[in-house]
Amino acid sequence: AIFDLTDETSASPLPDGHIGEIRIAGPSV
């Protein structure tokens, strides 16, 4: 998901088309 840089807990993913930090989660991480 894409998040605003100030979202310290990854609580609110940005809508489609909005630029932010790419963040990932899952068994590969």
mmCIF file of all heavy atoms, coordinates in Angstrom:
data_MODEL
# 
_entry.id   MODEL 
# 
loop_
_atom_site.group_PDB 
_atom_site.id 
_atom_site.type_symbol 
_atom_site.label_atom_id 
_atom_site.label_alt_id 
_atom_site.label_comp_id 
_atom_site.label_asym_id 
_atom_site.label_entity_id 
_atom_site.label_seq_id 
_atom_site.pdbx_PDB_ins_code 
_atom_site.Cartn_x 
_atom_site.Cartn_y 
_atom_site.Cartn_z 
_atom_site.occupancy 
_atom_site.B_iso_or_equiv 
_atom_site.pdbx_formal_charge 
_atom_site.auth_seq_id 
_atom_site.auth_comp_id 
_atom_site.auth_asym_id 
_atom_site.auth_atom_id 
_atom_site.pdbx_PDB_model_num 
ATOM 1   N N   . ALA A 1 1  ? 0.845  -1.193  0.000  1.00 0.00 ? 1  ALA A N   1 
ATOM 2   C CA  . ALA A 1 1  ? 0.000  0.000   0.000  1.00 0.00 ? 1  ALA A CA  1 
ATOM 3   C C   . ALA A 1 1  ? 0.881  1.243   0.000  1.00 0.00 ? 1  ALA A C   1 
ATOM 4   O O   . ALA A 1 1  ? 2.089  1.183   0.276  1.00 0.00 ? 1  ALA A O   1 
ATOM 5   C CB  . ALA A 1 1  ? -0.936 0.001   1.211  1.00 0.00 ? 1  ALA A CB  1 
ATOM 6   N N   . ILE A 1 2  ? 0.261  2.376   -0.321 1.00 0.00 ? 2  ILE A N   1 
ATOM 7   C CA  . ILE A 1 2  ? 0.938  3.671   -0.366 1.00 0.00 ? 2  ILE A CA  1 
ATOM 8   C C   . ILE A 1 2  ? 0.482  4.496   0.835  1.00 0.00 ? 2  ILE A C   1 
ATOM 9   O O   . ILE A 1 2  ? -0.718 4.595   1.114  1.00 0.00 ? 2  ILE A O   1 
ATOM 10  C CB  . ILE A 1 2  ? 0.610  4.424   -1.667 1.00 0.00 ? 2  ILE A CB  1 
ATOM 11  C CG1 . ILE A 1 2  ? 0.837  3.529   -2.894 1.00 0.00 ? 2  ILE A CG1 1 
ATOM 12  C CG2 . ILE A 1 2  ? 1.428  5.706   -1.756 1.00 0.00 ? 2  ILE A CG2 1 
ATOM 13  C CD1 . ILE A 1 2  ? 2.266  3.057   -3.068 1.00 0.00 ? 2  ILE A CD1 1 
ATOM 14  N N   . PHE A 1 3  ? 1.456  5.100   1.536  1.00 0.00 ? 3  PHE A N   1 
ATOM 15  C CA  . PHE A 1 3  ? 1.126  5.859   2.741  1.00 0.00 ? 3  PHE A CA  1 
ATOM 16  C C   . PHE A 1 3  ? 1.785  7.235   2.709  1.00 0.00 ? 3  PHE A C   1 
ATOM 17  O O   . PHE A 1 3  ? 2.869  7.407   2.135  1.00 0.00 ? 3  PHE A O   1 
ATOM 18  C CB  . PHE A 1 3  ? 1.611  5.117   3.987  1.00 0.00 ? 3  PHE A CB  1 
ATOM 19  C CG  . PHE A 1 3  ? 0.883  3.830   4.256  1.00 0.00 ? 3  PHE A CG  1 
ATOM 20  C CD1 . PHE A 1 3  ? 1.339  2.641   3.716  1.00 0.00 ? 3  PHE A CD1 1 
ATOM 21  C CD2 . PHE A 1 3  ? -0.262 3.808   5.040  1.00 0.00 ? 3  PHE A CD2 1 
ATOM 22  C CE1 . PHE A 1 3  ? 0.672  1.439   3.950  1.00 0.00 ? 3  PHE A CE1 1 
ATOM 23  C CE2 . PHE A 1 3  ? -0.934 2.624   5.285  1.00 0.00 ? 3  PHE A CE2 1 
ATOM 24  C CZ  . PHE A 1 3  ? -0.468 1.430   4.740  1.00 0.00 ? 3  PHE A CZ  1 
ATOM 25  N N   . ASP A 1 4  ? 1.131  8.171   3.367  1.00 0.00 ? 4  ASP A N   1 
ATOM 26  C CA  . ASP A 1 4  ? 1.742  9.473   3.592  1.00 0.00 ? 4  ASP A CA  1 
ATOM 27  C C   . ASP A 1 4  ? 2.960  9.287   4.489  1.00 0.00 ? 4  ASP A C   1 
ATOM 28  O O   . ASP A 1 4  ? 2.968  8.435   5.384  1.00 0.00 ? 4  ASP A O   1 
ATOM 29  C CB  . ASP A 1 4  ? 0.738  10.416  4.252  1.00 0.00 ? 4  ASP A CB  1 
ATOM 30  C CG  . ASP A 1 4  ? 1.272  11.838  4.343  1.00 0.00 ? 4  ASP A CG  1 
ATOM 31  O OD1 . ASP A 1 4  ? 1.965  12.146  5.343  1.00 0.00 ? 4  ASP A OD1 1 
ATOM 32  O OD2 . ASP A 1 4  ? 1.008  12.633  3.433  1.00 0.00 ? 4  ASP A OD2 1 
ATOM 33  N N   . LEU A 1 5  ? 3.967  10.103  4.258  1.00 0.00 ? 5  LEU A N   1 
ATOM 34  C CA  . LEU A 1 5  ? 5.222  9.952   5.009  1.00 0.00 ? 5  LEU A CA  1 
ATOM 35  C C   . LEU A 1 5  ? 5.031  10.184  6.502  1.00 0.00 ? 5  LEU A C   1 
ATOM 36  O O   . LEU A 1 5  ? 5.812  9.675   7.313  1.00 0.00 ? 5  LEU A O   1 
ATOM 37  C CB  . LEU A 1 5  ? 6.272  10.922  4.466  1.00 0.00 ? 5  LEU A CB  1 
ATOM 38  C CG  . LEU A 1 5  ? 6.576  10.829  2.972  1.00 0.00 ? 5  LEU A CG  1 
ATOM 39  C CD1 . LEU A 1 5  ? 7.683  11.798  2.598  1.00 0.00 ? 5  LEU A CD1 1 
ATOM 40  C CD2 . LEU A 1 5  ? 6.942  9.414   2.585  1.00 0.00 ? 5  LEU A CD2 1 
ATOM 41  N N   . THR A 1 6  ? 4.008  10.924  6.876  1.00 0.00 ? 6  THR A N   1 
ATOM 42  C CA  . THR A 1 6  ? 3.780  11.222  8.296  1.00 0.00 ? 6  THR A CA  1 
ATOM 43  C C   . THR A 1 6  ? 2.951  10.155  9.005  1.00 0.00 ? 6  THR A C   1 
ATOM 44  O O   . THR A 1 6  ? 2.743  10.241  10.215 1.00 0.00 ? 6  THR A O   1 
ATOM 45  C CB  . THR A 1 6  ? 3.062  12.574  8.445  1.00 0.00 ? 6  THR A CB  1 
ATOM 46  O OG1 . THR A 1 6  ? 1.793  12.504  7.784  1.00 0.00 ? 6  THR A OG1 1 
ATOM 47  C CG2 . THR A 1 6  ? 3.886  13.693  7.824  1.00 0.00 ? 6  THR A CG2 1 
ATOM 48  N N   . ASP A 1 7  ? 2.485  9.150   8.276  1.00 0.00 ? 7  ASP A N   1 
ATOM 49  C CA  . ASP A 1 7  ? 1.659  8.086   8.850  1.00 0.00 ? 7  ASP A CA  1 
ATOM 50  C C   . ASP A 1 7  ? 2.578  7.066   9.526  1.00 0.00 ? 7  ASP A C   1 
ATOM 51  O O   . ASP A 1 7  ? 3.029  6.105   8.907  1.00 0.00 ? 7  ASP A O   1 
ATOM 52  C CB  . ASP A 1 7  ? 0.817  7.425   7.761  1.00 0.00 ? 7  ASP A CB  1 
ATOM 53  C CG  . ASP A 1 7  ? -0.233 6.475   8.329  1.00 0.00 ? 7  ASP A CG  1 
ATOM 54  O OD1 . ASP A 1 7  ? -0.094 6.061   9.492  1.00 0.00 ? 7  ASP A OD1 1 
ATOM 55  O OD2 . ASP A 1 7  ? -1.184 6.133   7.597  1.00 0.00 ? 7  ASP A OD2 1 
ATOM 56  N N   . GLU A 1 8  ? 2.856  7.281   10.805 1.00 0.00 ? 8  GLU A N   1 
ATOM 57  C CA  . GLU A 1 8  ? 3.856  6.478   11.511 1.00 0.00 ? 8  GLU A CA  1 
ATOM 58  C C   . GLU A 1 8  ? 3.400  5.060   11.825 1.00 0.00 ? 8  GLU A C   1 
ATOM 59  O O   . GLU A 1 8  ? 4.214  4.196   12.116 1.00 0.00 ? 8  GLU A O   1 
ATOM 60  C CB  . GLU A 1 8  ? 4.250  7.185   12.820 1.00 0.00 ? 8  GLU A CB  1 
ATOM 61  C CG  . GLU A 1 8  ? 4.928  8.524   12.630 1.00 0.00 ? 8  GLU A CG  1 
ATOM 62  C CD  . GLU A 1 8  ? 6.302  8.386   11.979 1.00 0.00 ? 8  GLU A CD  1 
ATOM 63  O OE1 . GLU A 1 8  ? 6.911  7.314   12.106 1.00 0.00 ? 8  GLU A OE1 1 
ATOM 64  O OE2 . GLU A 1 8  ? 6.748  9.359   11.337 1.00 0.00 ? 8  GLU A OE2 1 
ATOM 65  N N   . THR A 1 9  ? 2.105  4.803   11.773 1.00 0.00 ? 9  THR A N   1 
ATOM 66  C CA  . THR A 1 9  ? 1.591  3.471   12.103 1.00 0.00 ? 9  THR A CA  1 
ATOM 67  C C   . THR A 1 9  ? 0.953  2.772   10.900 1.00 0.00 ? 9  THR A C   1 
ATOM 68  O O   . THR A 1 9  ? 0.380  1.700   11.038 1.00 0.00 ? 9  THR A O   1 
ATOM 69  C CB  . THR A 1 9  ? 0.558  3.555   13.238 1.00 0.00 ? 9  THR A CB  1 
ATOM 70  O OG1 . THR A 1 9  ? -0.547 4.368   12.818 1.00 0.00 ? 9  THR A OG1 1 
ATOM 71  C CG2 . THR A 1 9  ? 1.184  4.128   14.499 1.00 0.00 ? 9  THR A CG2 1 
ATOM 72  N N   . SER A 1 10 ? 1.071  3.394   9.738  1.00 0.00 ? 10 SER A N   1 
ATOM 73  C CA  . SER A 1 10 ? 0.461  2.846   8.512  1.00 0.00 ? 10 SER A CA  1 
ATOM 74  C C   . SER A 1 10 ? -1.030 2.604   8.706  1.00 0.00 ? 10 SER A C   1 
ATOM 75  O O   . SER A 1 10 ? -1.573 1.555   8.351  1.00 0.00 ? 10 SER A O   1 
ATOM 76  C CB  . SER A 1 10 ? 1.163  1.539   8.098  1.00 0.00 ? 10 SER A CB  1 
ATOM 77  O OG  . SER A 1 10 ? 2.550  1.738   7.909  1.00 0.00 ? 10 SER A OG  1 
ATOM 78  N N   . ALA A 1 11 ? -1.707 3.607   9.261  1.00 0.00 ? 11 ALA A N   1 
ATOM 79  C CA  . ALA A 1 11 ? -3.134 3.459   9.590  1.00 0.00 ? 11 ALA A CA  1 
ATOM 80  C C   . ALA A 1 11 ? -4.051 3.754   8.411  1.00 0.00 ? 11 ALA A C   1 
ATOM 81  O O   . ALA A 1 11 ? -5.135 3.172   8.311  1.00 0.00 ? 11 ALA A O   1 
ATOM 82  C CB  . ALA A 1 11 ? -3.490 4.389   10.752 1.00 0.00 ? 11 ALA A CB  1 
ATOM 83  N N   . SER A 1 12 ? -3.609 4.643   7.483  1.00 0.00 ? 12 SER A N   1 
ATOM 84  C CA  . SER A 1 12 ? -4.530 5.117   6.437  1.00 0.00 ? 12 SER A CA  1 
ATOM 85  C C   . SER A 1 12 ? -3.856 5.107   5.065  1.00 0.00 ? 12 SER A C   1 
ATOM 86  O O   . SER A 1 12 ? -3.182 6.076   4.685  1.00 0.00 ? 12 SER A O   1 
ATOM 87  C CB  . SER A 1 12 ? -5.009 6.539   6.752  1.00 0.00 ? 12 SER A CB  1 
ATOM 88  O OG  . SER A 1 12 ? -5.612 6.595   8.028  1.00 0.00 ? 12 SER A OG  1 
ATOM 89  N N   . PRO A 1 13 ? -4.018 4.023   4.301  1.00 0.00 ? 13 PRO A N   1 
ATOM 90  C CA  . PRO A 1 13 ? -3.458 3.984   2.942  1.00 0.00 ? 13 PRO A CA  1 
ATOM 91  C C   . PRO A 1 13 ? -4.013 5.106   2.081  1.00 0.00 ? 13 PRO A C   1 
ATOM 92  O O   . PRO A 1 13 ? -5.193 5.483   2.207  1.00 0.00 ? 13 PRO A O   1 
ATOM 93  C CB  . PRO A 1 13 ? -3.908 2.613   2.418  1.00 0.00 ? 13 PRO A CB  1 
ATOM 94  C CG  . PRO A 1 13 ? -4.206 1.808   3.632  1.00 0.00 ? 13 PRO A CG  1 
ATOM 95  C CD  . PRO A 1 13 ? -4.719 2.777   4.651  1.00 0.00 ? 13 PRO A CD  1 
ATOM 96  N N   . LEU A 1 14 ? -3.185 5.660   1.209  1.00 0.00 ? 14 LEU A N   1 
ATOM 97  C CA  . LEU A 1 14 ? -3.622 6.730   0.322  1.00 0.00 ? 14 LEU A CA  1 
ATOM 98  C C   . LEU A 1 14 ? -4.471 6.168   -0.819 1.00 0.00 ? 14 LEU A C   1 
ATOM 99  O O   . LEU A 1 14 ? -4.304 5.010   -1.211 1.00 0.00 ? 14 LEU A O   1 
ATOM 100 C CB  . LEU A 1 14 ? -2.408 7.462   -0.258 1.00 0.00 ? 14 LEU A CB  1 
ATOM 101 C CG  . LEU A 1 14 ? -1.543 8.244   0.734  1.00 0.00 ? 14 LEU A CG  1 
ATOM 102 C CD1 . LEU A 1 14 ? -0.318 8.804   0.028  1.00 0.00 ? 14 LEU A CD1 1 
ATOM 103 C CD2 . LEU A 1 14 ? -2.335 9.362   1.391  1.00 0.00 ? 14 LEU A CD2 1 
ATOM 104 N N   . PRO A 1 15 ? -5.366 6.978   -1.372 1.00 0.00 ? 15 PRO A N   1 
ATOM 105 C CA  . PRO A 1 15 ? -6.191 6.523   -2.501 1.00 0.00 ? 15 PRO A CA  1 
ATOM 106 C C   . PRO A 1 15 ? -5.332 6.298   -3.750 1.00 0.00 ? 15 PRO A C   1 
ATOM 107 O O   . PRO A 1 15 ? -4.195 6.778   -3.849 1.00 0.00 ? 15 PRO A O   1 
ATOM 108 C CB  . PRO A 1 15 ? -7.172 7.683   -2.712 1.00 0.00 ? 15 PRO A CB  1 
ATOM 109 C CG  . PRO A 1 15 ? -7.085 8.524   -1.494 1.00 0.00 ? 15 PRO A CG  1 
ATOM 110 C CD  . PRO A 1 15 ? -5.705 8.340   -0.945 1.00 0.00 ? 15 PRO A CD  1 
ATOM 111 N N   . ASP A 1 16 ? -5.904 5.596   -4.716 1.00 0.00 ? 16 ASP A N   1 
ATOM 112 C CA  . ASP A 1 16 ? -5.224 5.377   -5.990 1.00 0.00 ? 16 ASP A CA  1 
ATOM 113 C C   . ASP A 1 16 ? -4.820 6.709   -6.622 1.00 0.00 ? 16 ASP A C   1 
ATOM 114 O O   . ASP A 1 16 ? -5.565 7.705   -6.556 1.00 0.00 ? 16 ASP A O   1 
ATOM 115 C CB  . ASP A 1 16 ? -6.139 4.629   -6.957 1.00 0.00 ? 16 ASP A CB  1 
ATOM 116 C CG  . ASP A 1 16 ? -6.140 3.133   -6.712 1.00 0.00 ? 16 ASP A CG  1 
ATOM 117 O OD1 . ASP A 1 16 ? -5.624 2.705   -5.658 1.00 0.00 ? 16 ASP A OD1 1 
ATOM 118 O OD2 . ASP A 1 16 ? -6.647 2.400   -7.575 1.00 0.00 ? 16 ASP A OD2 1 
ATOM 119 N N   . GLY A 1 17 ? -3.623 6.712   -7.208 1.00 0.00 ? 17 GLY A N   1 
ATOM 120 C CA  . GLY A 1 17 ? -3.140 7.894   -7.900 1.00 0.00 ? 17 GLY A CA  1 
ATOM 121 C C   . GLY A 1 17 ? -2.394 8.877   -7.022 1.00 0.00 ? 17 GLY A C   1 
ATOM 122 O O   . GLY A 1 17 ? -1.757 9.795   -7.539 1.00 0.00 ? 17 GLY A O   1 
ATOM 123 N N   . HIS A 1 18 ? -2.444 8.702   -5.707 1.00 0.00 ? 18 HIS A N   1 
ATOM 124 C CA  . HIS A 1 18 ? -1.719 9.591   -4.803 1.00 0.00 ? 18 HIS A CA  1 
ATOM 125 C C   . HIS A 1 18 ? -0.323 9.034   -4.544 1.00 0.00 ? 18 HIS A C   1 
ATOM 126 O O   . HIS A 1 18 ? -0.154 7.841   -4.297 1.00 0.00 ? 18 HIS A O   1 
ATOM 127 C CB  . HIS A 1 18 ? -2.476 9.759   -3.486 1.00 0.00 ? 18 HIS A CB  1 
ATOM 128 C CG  . HIS A 1 18 ? -3.678 10.631  -3.602 1.00 0.00 ? 18 HIS A CG  1 
ATOM 129 N ND1 . HIS A 1 18 ? -3.735 11.897  -3.074 1.00 0.00 ? 18 HIS A ND1 1 
ATOM 130 C CD2 . HIS A 1 18 ? -4.871 10.434  -4.219 1.00 0.00 ? 18 HIS A CD2 1 
ATOM 131 C CE1 . HIS A 1 18 ? -4.902 12.440  -3.333 1.00 0.00 ? 18 HIS A CE1 1 
ATOM 132 N NE2 . HIS A 1 18 ? -5.614 11.570  -4.033 1.00 0.00 ? 18 HIS A NE2 1 
ATOM 133 N N   . ILE A 1 19 ? 0.663  9.908   -4.597 1.00 0.00 ? 19 ILE A N   1 
ATOM 134 C CA  . ILE A 1 19 ? 2.051  9.495   -4.443 1.00 0.00 ? 19 ILE A CA  1 
ATOM 135 C C   . ILE A 1 19 ? 2.453  9.532   -2.973 1.00 0.00 ? 19 ILE A C   1 
ATOM 136 O O   . ILE A 1 19 ? 2.216  10.516  -2.269 1.00 0.00 ? 19 ILE A O   1 
ATOM 137 C CB  . ILE A 1 19 ? 2.984  10.403  -5.270 1.00 0.00 ? 19 ILE A CB  1 
ATOM 138 C CG1 . ILE A 1 19 ? 2.639  10.290  -6.755 1.00 0.00 ? 19 ILE A CG1 1 
ATOM 139 C CG2 . ILE A 1 19 ? 4.440  10.050  -5.028 1.00 0.00 ? 19 ILE A CG2 1 
ATOM 140 C CD1 . ILE A 1 19 ? 3.347  11.297  -7.620 1.00 0.00 ? 19 ILE A CD1 1 
ATOM 141 N N   . GLY A 1 20 ? 3.055  8.473   -2.515 1.00 0.00 ? 20 GLY A N   1 
ATOM 142 C CA  . GLY A 1 20 ? 3.530  8.380   -1.144 1.00 0.00 ? 20 GLY A CA  1 
ATOM 143 C C   . GLY A 1 20 ? 4.548  7.260   -1.044 1.00 0.00 ? 20 GLY A C   1 
ATOM 144 O O   . GLY A 1 20 ? 5.045  6.757   -2.054 1.00 0.00 ? 20 GLY A O   1 
ATOM 145 N N   . GLU A 1 21 ? 4.846  6.869   0.187  1.00 0.00 ? 21 GLU A N   1 
ATOM 146 C CA  . GLU A 1 21 ? 5.837  5.811   0.379  1.00 0.00 ? 21 GLU A CA  1 
ATOM 147 C C   . GLU A 1 21 ? 5.217  4.437   0.156  1.00 0.00 ? 21 GLU A C   1 
ATOM 148 O O   . GLU A 1 21 ? 4.137  4.130   0.654  1.00 0.00 ? 21 GLU A O   1 
ATOM 149 C CB  . GLU A 1 21 ? 6.430  5.879   1.784  1.00 0.00 ? 21 GLU A CB  1 
ATOM 150 C CG  . GLU A 1 21 ? 7.533  4.840   1.987  1.00 0.00 ? 21 GLU A CG  1 
ATOM 151 C CD  . GLU A 1 21 ? 8.174  4.908   3.370  1.00 0.00 ? 21 GLU A CD  1 
ATOM 152 O OE1 . GLU A 1 21 ? 7.456  5.229   4.337  1.00 0.00 ? 21 GLU A OE1 1 
ATOM 153 O OE2 . GLU A 1 21 ? 9.376  4.633   3.474  1.00 0.00 ? 21 GLU A OE2 1 
ATOM 154 N N   . ILE A 1 22 ? 5.925  3.610   -0.572 1.00 0.00 ? 22 ILE A N   1 
ATOM 155 C CA  . ILE A 1 22 ? 5.512  2.224   -0.777 1.00 0.00 ? 22 ILE A CA  1 
ATOM 156 C C   . ILE A 1 22 ? 5.873  1.439   0.479  1.00 0.00 ? 22 ILE A C   1 
ATOM 157 O O   . ILE A 1 22 ? 7.021  1.477   0.933  1.00 0.00 ? 22 ILE A O   1 
ATOM 158 C CB  . ILE A 1 22 ? 6.223  1.602   -1.993 1.00 0.00 ? 22 ILE A CB  1 
ATOM 159 C CG1 . ILE A 1 22 ? 5.963  2.430   -3.247 1.00 0.00 ? 22 ILE A CG1 1 
ATOM 160 C CG2 . ILE A 1 22 ? 5.798  0.154   -2.198 1.00 0.00 ? 22 ILE A CG2 1 
ATOM 161 C CD1 . ILE A 1 22 ? 6.888  2.083   -4.404 1.00 0.00 ? 22 ILE A CD1 1 
ATOM 162 N N   . ARG A 1 23 ? 4.881  0.747   1.057  1.00 0.00 ? 23 ARG A N   1 
ATOM 163 C CA  . ARG A 1 23 ? 5.147  -0.071  2.236  1.00 0.00 ? 23 ARG A CA  1 
ATOM 164 C C   . ARG A 1 23 ? 4.598  -1.472  2.005  1.00 0.00 ? 23 ARG A C   1 
ATOM 165 O O   . ARG A 1 23 ? 3.594  -1.665  1.311  1.00 0.00 ? 23 ARG A O   1 
ATOM 166 C CB  . ARG A 1 23 ? 4.530  0.557   3.491  1.00 0.00 ? 23 ARG A CB  1 
ATOM 167 C CG  . ARG A 1 23 ? 5.136  1.927   3.803  1.00 0.00 ? 23 ARG A CG  1 
ATOM 168 C CD  . ARG A 1 23 ? 4.552  2.552   5.059  1.00 0.00 ? 23 ARG A CD  1 
ATOM 169 N NE  . ARG A 1 23 ? 5.014  3.928   5.229  1.00 0.00 ? 23 ARG A NE  1 
ATOM 170 C CZ  . ARG A 1 23 ? 4.587  4.752   6.178  1.00 0.00 ? 23 ARG A CZ  1 
ATOM 171 N NH1 . ARG A 1 23 ? 3.670  4.335   7.054  1.00 0.00 ? 23 ARG A NH1 1 
ATOM 172 N NH2 . ARG A 1 23 ? 5.055  5.988   6.265  1.00 0.00 ? 23 ARG A NH2 1 
ATOM 173 N N   . ILE A 1 24 ? 5.256  -2.462  2.623  1.00 0.00 ? 24 ILE A N   1 
ATOM 174 C CA  . ILE A 1 24 ? 4.931  -3.859  2.354  1.00 0.00 ? 24 ILE A CA  1 
ATOM 175 C C   . ILE A 1 24 ? 4.857  -4.661  3.655  1.00 0.00 ? 24 ILE A C   1 
ATOM 176 O O   . ILE A 1 24 ? 5.449  -4.297  4.668  1.00 0.00 ? 24 ILE A O   1 
ATOM 177 C CB  . ILE A 1 24 ? 5.979  -4.507  1.429  1.00 0.00 ? 24 ILE A CB  1 
ATOM 178 C CG1 . ILE A 1 24 ? 7.392  -4.340  2.023  1.00 0.00 ? 24 ILE A CG1 1 
ATOM 179 C CG2 . ILE A 1 24 ? 5.917  -3.904  0.037  1.00 0.00 ? 24 ILE A CG2 1 
ATOM 180 C CD1 . ILE A 1 24 ? 8.483  -5.060  1.251  1.00 0.00 ? 24 ILE A CD1 1 
ATOM 181 N N   . ALA A 1 25 ? 4.118  -5.761  3.604  1.00 0.00 ? 25 ALA A N   1 
ATOM 182 C CA  . ALA A 1 25 ? 4.032  -6.685  4.735  1.00 0.00 ? 25 ALA A CA  1 
ATOM 183 C C   . ALA A 1 25 ? 3.761  -8.073  4.180  1.00 0.00 ? 25 ALA A C   1 
ATOM 184 O O   . ALA A 1 25 ? 3.187  -8.231  3.105  1.00 0.00 ? 25 ALA A O   1 
ATOM 185 C CB  . ALA A 1 25 ? 2.926  -6.268  5.702  1.00 0.00 ? 25 ALA A CB  1 
ATOM 186 N N   . GLY A 1 26 ? 4.202  -9.099  4.917  1.00 0.00 ? 26 GLY A N   1 
ATOM 187 C CA  . GLY A 1 26 ? 3.935  -10.458 4.471  1.00 0.00 ? 26 GLY A CA  1 
ATOM 188 C C   . GLY A 1 26 ? 5.079  -11.400 4.807  1.00 0.00 ? 26 GLY A C   1 
ATOM 189 O O   . GLY A 1 26 ? 6.111  -10.990 5.361  1.00 0.00 ? 26 GLY A O   1 
ATOM 190 N N   . PRO A 1 27 ? 4.948  -12.674 4.471  1.00 0.00 ? 27 PRO A N   1 
ATOM 191 C CA  . PRO A 1 27 ? 5.926  -13.687 4.871  1.00 0.00 ? 27 PRO A CA  1 
ATOM 192 C C   . PRO A 1 27 ? 7.297  -13.566 4.209  1.00 0.00 ? 27 PRO A C   1 
ATOM 193 O O   . PRO A 1 27 ? 8.255  -14.169 4.686  1.00 0.00 ? 27 PRO A O   1 
ATOM 194 C CB  . PRO A 1 27 ? 5.242  -15.005 4.470  1.00 0.00 ? 27 PRO A CB  1 
ATOM 195 C CG  . PRO A 1 27 ? 4.253  -14.628 3.414  1.00 0.00 ? 27 PRO A CG  1 
ATOM 196 C CD  . PRO A 1 27 ? 3.781  -13.264 3.783  1.00 0.00 ? 27 PRO A CD  1 
ATOM 197 N N   . SER A 1 28 ? 7.404  -12.792 3.132  1.00 0.00 ? 28 SER A N   1 
ATOM 198 C CA  . SER A 1 28 ? 8.713  -12.594 2.493  1.00 0.00 ? 28 SER A CA  1 
ATOM 199 C C   . SER A 1 28 ? 9.557  -11.551 3.214  1.00 0.00 ? 28 SER A C   1 
ATOM 200 O O   . SER A 1 28 ? 10.775 -11.476 3.016  1.00 0.00 ? 28 SER A O   1 
ATOM 201 C CB  . SER A 1 28 ? 8.533  -12.153 1.036  1.00 0.00 ? 28 SER A CB  1 
ATOM 202 O OG  . SER A 1 28 ? 7.885  -13.124 0.264  1.00 0.00 ? 28 SER A OG  1 
ATOM 203 N N   . VAL A 1 29 ? 8.906  -10.726 4.037  1.00 0.00 ? 29 VAL A N   1 
ATOM 204 C CA  . VAL A 1 29 ? 9.573  -9.557  4.628  1.00 0.00 ? 29 VAL A CA  1 
ATOM 205 C C   . VAL A 1 29 ? 10.406 -9.966  5.842  1.00 0.00 ? 29 VAL A C   1 
ATOM 206 O O   . VAL A 1 29 ? 9.963  -10.741 6.690  1.00 0.00 ? 29 VAL A O   1 
ATOM 207 C CB  . VAL A 1 29 ? 8.538  -8.495  5.027  1.00 0.00 ? 29 VAL A CB  1 
ATOM 208 C CG1 . VAL A 1 29 ? 9.201  -7.310  5.712  1.00 0.00 ? 29 VAL A CG1 1 
ATOM 209 C CG2 . VAL A 1 29 ? 7.763  -8.036  3.796  1.00 0.00 ? 29 VAL A CG2 1 
# 
